[in-house]
């Protein structure tokens, strides 16, 4: 059974996918969607290969949502990108 570290790695990949998808600093919407899908695929493989407990993963996602919210906001509202954010 996977550890908390593995669940945290999965959540990090999921959050990274969200950042990539929403970031205004991308080559194109299609490119960012493709990259986000690849990152999500990595998260799914880690989850499957490590046999991550769904309850542990959901708890980690809940805490991760609190921890990563500010980082996502900072990335998306960075001064150089602010004009591009809708």
Protein backbone atom coordinates (compact mmCIF):
# COMPACT_ATOMS: atom_id res chain seq x y z
CA UNK A 1 0.00 0.00 0.00
CA UNK A 2 1.24 3.47 -0.87
CA UNK A 3 2.39 5.99 1.68
CA UNK A 4 1.38 9.59 2.30
CA UNK A 5 4.37 10.64 0.21
CA UNK A 6 2.99 8.79 -2.80
CA UNK A 7 -0.45 10.33 -2.32
CA UNK A 8 1.20 13.76 -2.06
CA UNK A 9 3.08 13.15 -5.31
CA UNK A 10 -0.18 12.25 -7.07
CA UNK A 11 -1.87 15.39 -5.75
CA UNK A 12 1.11 17.50 -6.82
CA UNK A 13 0.82 16.13 -10.36
CA UNK A 14 -2.93 16.83 -10.38
CA UNK A 15 -2.38 20.41 -9.22
CA UNK A 16 0.41 20.90 -11.76
CA UNK A 17 -2.01 19.79 -14.47
CA UNK A 18 -4.52 22.41 -13.29
CA UNK A 19 -1.87 25.12 -13.33
CA UNK A 20 -0.72 24.19 -16.83
CA UNK A 21 -4.30 24.14 -18.07
CA UNK A 22 -5.14 27.56 -16.64
CA UNK A 23 -1.85 29.34 -17.21
CA UNK A 24 -2.09 32.22 -19.65
CA UNK A 25 1.60 31.75 -20.53
CA UNK A 26 1.16 28.82 -22.92
CA UNK A 27 1.91 28.25 -26.56
CA UNK A 28 -1.75 27.53 -27.24
CA UNK A 29 -4.86 26.27 -25.52
CA UNK A 30 -4.46 22.93 -27.32
CA UNK A 31 -0.83 22.59 -26.20
CA UNK A 32 -1.66 23.34 -22.59
CA UNK A 33 -4.58 20.89 -22.66
CA UNK A 34 -2.33 18.19 -24.11
CA UNK A 35 0.37 18.77 -21.50
CA UNK A 36 -2.22 18.77 -18.69
CA UNK A 37 -3.63 15.47 -20.00
CA UNK A 38 -0.13 13.95 -20.01
CA UNK A 39 0.47 15.07 -16.43
CA UNK A 40 -2.90 13.66 -15.33
CA UNK A 41 -1.98 10.39 -17.03
CA UNK A 42 1.21 10.29 -14.93
CA UNK A 43 -0.84 10.83 -11.78
CA UNK A 44 -3.19 8.00 -12.74
CA UNK A 45 -0.28 5.63 -13.39
CA UNK A 46 1.36 6.44 -10.06
CA UNK A 47 -1.98 5.89 -8.32
CA UNK A 48 -2.48 2.55 -10.04
CA UNK A 49 1.10 1.28 -9.78
CA UNK A 50 1.51 2.27 -6.13
CA UNK A 51 -1.96 1.02 -5.18
CA UNK A 52 -2.83 4.30 -3.46
CA UNK A 53 -5.66 3.99 -0.94
CA UNK A 54 -8.58 6.07 -2.29
CA UNK A 55 -9.42 7.44 1.18
CA UNK A 56 -5.82 8.55 1.74
CA UNK A 57 -5.75 10.12 -1.71
CA UNK A 58 -9.02 12.00 -1.12
CA UNK A 59 -7.82 13.32 2.25
CA UNK A 60 -4.56 14.40 0.66
CA UNK A 61 -6.50 16.15 -2.12
CA UNK A 62 -8.61 17.98 0.49
CA UNK A 63 -5.53 19.23 2.34
CA UNK A 64 -3.72 19.87 -0.92
CA UNK A 65 -6.55 22.08 -2.13
CA UNK A 66 -5.92 24.31 0.87
CA UNK A 67 -2.12 24.24 0.53
CA UNK A 68 -1.94 24.75 -3.22
CA UNK A 69 -4.66 27.37 -3.67
CA UNK A 70 -2.26 30.27 -3.03
CA UNK A 71 0.41 28.84 -5.32
CA UNK A 72 -2.08 28.48 -8.17
CA UNK A 73 -3.33 32.03 -7.65
CA UNK A 74 0.23 33.39 -7.58
CA UNK A 75 1.10 31.56 -10.78
CA UNK A 76 -1.98 32.74 -12.60
CA UNK A 77 -1.89 36.32 -11.36
CA UNK A 78 1.83 36.87 -11.67
CA UNK A 79 2.56 40.46 -12.64
CA UNK A 80 3.80 39.55 -16.12
CA UNK A 81 0.65 37.51 -16.83
CA UNK A 82 -1.94 39.68 -15.10
CA UNK A 83 -3.10 41.40 -18.28
CA UNK A 84 -3.78 38.02 -19.91
CA UNK A 85 -5.96 36.65 -17.09
CA UNK A 86 -9.65 36.92 -17.89
